Amino acid sequence: MKGQRGKTPRKKFAFTGTSVIEPVEVYCRIKPADDSNNVCLKSVGDNQVQLMIPADGYRNAQPREFLYTFQQVFDETSTQKDIFDVVSLPLVEDLIAGRNTLLFTYGVTGSGKTYTMTGTPVDQGILPRCLDVVFNTIEHHQAKKYVFEPNNQNGFRVQSEADAMAKLQADIMPCPSVVPKTPKKDKCEFLKNPRLRDKSKVEGVSNQFLYSVFVSYVEVYNNAVYDLLEELTSDPIIGYKAQQTKTIREDSSKMMYIHECKEVEVKNPDEAFHVIYQGQNRRRVARTALNESSSRSHSVFNIRIVQGPVDQSGEEVMHEANSICVGQLSLVDLAGSERTVRTKNMGEQLREASNINNTLMTLRNCIDILRENQKFGSSRIVPYRDSKLTHLFKSYLEGDGKIRMVVCVNPAANEVGETLHVMKFAEITQEVTIQRIEGRFQEVPETPNGRLYPNLEEEFRSDTGSDCTSSSRSTTVPVPLYDLGPQFPNMELVHPSDDSTLKELHRFLGIRLEKRQRCVEVARQKCDDFRSLLLKVEKENSYLPVLEKEVFNLRRENTNLKQDNLNINKELKELQQELRAINSKLRSSERQLQEKNSLIREARDEKCQLKSDYETRIQQNEQKFRQQEYDRQKLEYKCRTYLQEKDRKLNILKNLVNEHSSESSTSTTPSVTPKPARKLRTFTTPAPYTAPRPDPAPRKPVTRLAAARSLHNLDQVSSSSSKKDPAPPPPPPNPRHRRSKSSSAAETWLEHKSQDHEELGTLFQPKLKKKRSVTKLTEKDTKEVSKYCLNHQELGSDGEMRTKLYKGNVLPTATGGCTMVFNEVEMVRRGNPGNGKKRHSPPNQHTRPGSDWTDTDVRCGYAIDGHKRPKPSQI
């Protein structure tokens, strides 16, 4: 059986030096509130804040108060300078000393993180002030450009002075660029506006070292690392190519770094701001419902100071790689956590917000596991690789540097839910301790000819205008200011008549006398110049009390101006608060005005709708009244006709009785078989029925049985007519609507029939032009039609299928819909010609005016004579 592979042991990092355990320092900054009366957070002392949760502020919780403690709390009145001096200035000291430090801002979107990190030209943030202090400190201790060069492995190597000068010359000389650079935009705010520089300095600069500053700018966007300083390559077809993602690697000293990240050497703050401007132009920002310029990525700005010891001459850096010391300060501007319900993000912004929240959640998860491991002694693996941000700062969390965090909060009451989560994360972060490693780099012994006075030689050269060579600096014998000539010639007399030696000595002494005379004149002239200069200085010194008084007055005036400036700033802040309050009231008034205007519009629309409904009801009522009036007149006419018919029948019966009693010969009427009317297969609803007028012509005598049957049928007709309710009137059409004949829906029919409709296949079919059949009627079907036909099938009493076609017009309504006004009913039926069954008309149908059975005299004649009723002809 094959043995199972053992678990790989964890690596143990060896380091030289001592370790110091210190906690993560967390500071809190409170953003000025727009409405000072509606806040949920306030500072209590210098290092505590109180969070107040209202009753309906967060998940319908009960009103509660929480107290959180920080390293220091900066309230609304704190300035950018106060925050920098407390939070960032000690980190700059560690940077100069060659230590690694990390500072990041954390908070929800719109809480002031970017403002705290960057600021404005008049009121600079942490990043510009760090650059100013760094260059103020190493101003006279900078190495020449390109002396230190990155080795692409998170380290540096030292170049010779000749190589550095060659590279500097190649950089200065203009050359045609093969790869076009990134298109330039308008200058940023720090470049086009004058800014107030920070004049602060820190201690720790050694005269035995030369320093160089390198900066880099990256961002973590959608959990991918991009270099903001990388030049984009161009293609003649597709234009500029997209940025390439960078990988995170580990160097030989277990430090995490970004591979192939561009590091730019800068010699002053202005060059650094050009680099910052280039990176900020590429950084992803977008507008959301809560922030006009919301960061869509986490930005990391690295400041690295490389320091190397000088050689024996004190002018160049030693070419020993082990003697180079590198310190790094990472300034991280984290993107704010967002809730989609509040920011209204959609599309790509929704994906960005999801990645931002996932990265912050991973950071919090790593902090929680670190705290749990330290508190309970567990050995859970910290998931640094779940996010690029935590993977990049893995070395800091494991002890290679100091970590500080600035928590930015918005005290507005509507931010209480997000503020509570931020406070909980800050509280957990403070409980994490970092085992900071000290003494990683070896100390370099001081050189005997070090740079004790690095700027004294330059000042001396500028004042005297002389150029001292290296040989003159190395000699210990001072050069005299005045010289009368070369050394004396040979004065030894070899013969008493040696006149040449005496003449040469005489000539030599004459030259020395002339030189001495010139030196005396020069000395006298310099004495006179010195005396005049001394008199001038004494004269200027006589004005010194006056100037001191003027300086005192100017200082006092300056102090007064500063006090006035402070008062003006205080008044300005008060006015700004009043302005914010007025703007808030104005926005509230505008919202109320919009709501009232909306209510007025709704009321006006409702009034118009009610008016239209009332007009429609009035028209319906008028039509109903006209129909009722018509029904009343029809009923009166029927009653009058019925009475007349009854009187006539009584008279006929009376005559018949008299004729029967007289036993007179009765003339029989020849039997005439009435020819029944042909049944119509297709008919439409007839016009309003009009009762037939009584025939004044004399009638023939009829039998008594026929008269009785006629009276019985008439009673049934009258009773059924009286019991039948009047049909409801159709809805009134719009008389003003007229559809254009040239439109596409002028004569378009919409046939509506049921799903189980049966096609009868008859020869006679309804003729509908431009017909469109549907089984389920929708609003869309009535948009482009002008005629409507409802096809209804039912089974008759004789077992045959009957089809009724209800036809009408489609008219638009005032509310944007449409209505159907029916004006015709067509019934189609079919019968069996071989069926000999006698068909009887329903008793409630009116007798047609042209029928043979409408004549009462004929009916009575058939009844009295006893003739059989003729059968109707078969159809």
Foldseek 3Di string as FASTA:
>chain_A
DDDDDDDDDDDDADFDFAWDKDAAAEEEEEADALDPVFFQKDADPFFKMKGWADCPQPPNHHTDIDMFGGPTYHYHPDAQVVCQVVPPPVVLLCQLVQAAAEEEEAAAWPLCLVCQQANAQARGHNVLQSQLQNCLACVLQAAQPPQWDDPLQPAIFGDDPVVRVVVVVVVPDDDDDPFDFDDDDDFDRPVVDHHDHDNDYDDDDDLQKHKWKKKFKWWQFLLFIFGLQDTFGADPPPGTDDTDTWDWDAHPNRAIDTGPTDIDIDNHSVVVVVSVRSSVVPFDWPCWQNHGTFGLIKMKMKMKMKMAGADQQQRHGDRDRQRIRIYMYIYIYQGRQDDCVRRVDDDPSVSSNVSSVQQVVLVLQLLVVLLCCVPVVDDDDRPQVVGPVSVNCVVVLQARYHHYYYYRDHRRSNCSVRVVVSSVSSNSSRSHMHTHGPDRGDDDDGHPNHCPPSCPVVVVCVVVVDDDDPVQVPDPDDDDPADLDDDQDDQDDPDPPPVVSVVSNVVSVVSSVVSVVVVVVVVVVVVVVVVVVVVVVVVVVVCVVVVVVVVVVVVVVVVVVVVVVVVVVVVVVVVVSVVSVVVVVVVVVVVVVVVVVVVVVVVVVVVVVVVQVVVQVVVLVVVVVVVVVVVVVVVVVVVVVVVVVVVVLVVLVVVVVVVVVVPDDADADDDDAFADDDDDQKDKDDDDDDDDDDDPDDFAAFQQQLLVVVVVLVVLQVVLVVPDDDDRAWRDADVVDDDDCPAPANQAEEEEEAPPDDDPPDPDDDDGPNYDYDDDDDQVVLPRHFKYWYWDWDADPVRWIKIKIFIFTWAADPVGGIDTTTDMIMMGTDDDLPDPDADDDDSNDDDDPPGPSPDSNHSRRCNHVVPDRDGHDRD
